Amino acid sequence: MRQMSKWERIKAVLQGGEVDRVPIGFWRHYFLQEWAPRRLAELTLDLHRRLDTDIVKLTPSGMYPIQDWGATIRFGRDDHSSPRWIEAAVGSANEWEALPRLDVTKGAWGRELETIHHLATDLEDTAPLLMTLYSPLTIASMLCWDKDSRGRVIEDLRQSPRKLHAGLETIRDVVLDYADACLEAGATGLFFATQMANYDDLTPEEYREFGIAYDLPILESVVGKSRLTVLHVCKRNLMFGQVVDYPVDVIHWADRVTRPSLAEARQMTDKALAGGLAEETLLNGTEEEVMAEAGEAIAQTDRRGFILAPGCVISTRTPEANLAAARRATEIIAG
């Protein structure tokens, strides 16, 4: 089979067709340098080119959605030290109704638009460029985080639902604005992440009311505009059945640590799937173990409708030799 371009490979994956090799992607944080748009663009592009990956996922600071709403943050001093929440942006349920609608072209949101512009200009549409967006309920959860707790949004959801709904409406509208702004800045697709679609945090009824109801307007708004939309379902004990019909092109989750397996998910949907690599194996495994894991994941999907990727963002200390081994596995298996 002739060698495909990166876009040809991804389009074939979305159609469930044959590929010359399974596409692959990696993404990581640069905790010290990710505050500088041009530098983050350079680092992201360099990783893509060194490893010859097929998708470029921009991974800005996870703080970007909450900075402009007033969270107090302690920033890391090197690329391996993540920022820390100190004081929540939303200190009580009474503050949800006063949450202002932000101008996404300014502040932290605007900073990441600049990063997209630099990266898109240098990438020249040779591969999909995905910007990371967070679901409204995920952002609401982060707005409640402080140095002591990360669970208060669930308390508001159950004790002050009307007030939380008011906040979620504002957040939804900001993310709607931002999805359009990201695509206008040069992103060719979106990586939409939810951390709340799991049975450990919510009931299915709660997730439908506070999660799905706010996710769908955003995802539906980019149909026909985003050339590649990936849904990332974070954490364990997932409500996979609740999100499997979202209007996205690819579903991505940490299949090595939580169900469904890739093979199980293939029975649930004909959408493309992404995953197959455990971040722990990439960090601490041998090159042989990484290649074996990659091969087993590709076998589960029969090399169709699949993007090989870690289950979540990789550790900043992941050996590049292991990443190269995973990329090498796609060539060996293709042959």
Foldseek 3Di string as FASTA:
>chain_A
DDADFLVVQVVQLLVQHFHLFFFADAFAFWQPPLLQLLSQLVVQVVVCVVQVGSEGERDGQPCLVCVVLPWDWAGDDGRQDHIATAAASDADLVCLLVRDQDDCCDDSNVSNLSSLLNNLVVCVPSHAYAYEDEFLLQVVQRNHDHRPDRQCVLVCCVPPVVSNVSNSVSSLVNLLVSVVSSLVSRHQAYEYEYAQQAPVRDDPVSCVVRPVVSVQVSQVSCVVPRPAYEYQYEDERGPCVSCVPRPGQEYAAQLVVYDDHPLVVVVVDVHAYEAQAELCCQAPNDLVVLLVSLVVNCVSVVVHSYYYYHRDHHRPRGDVSNSSSSSVSRNVVSD
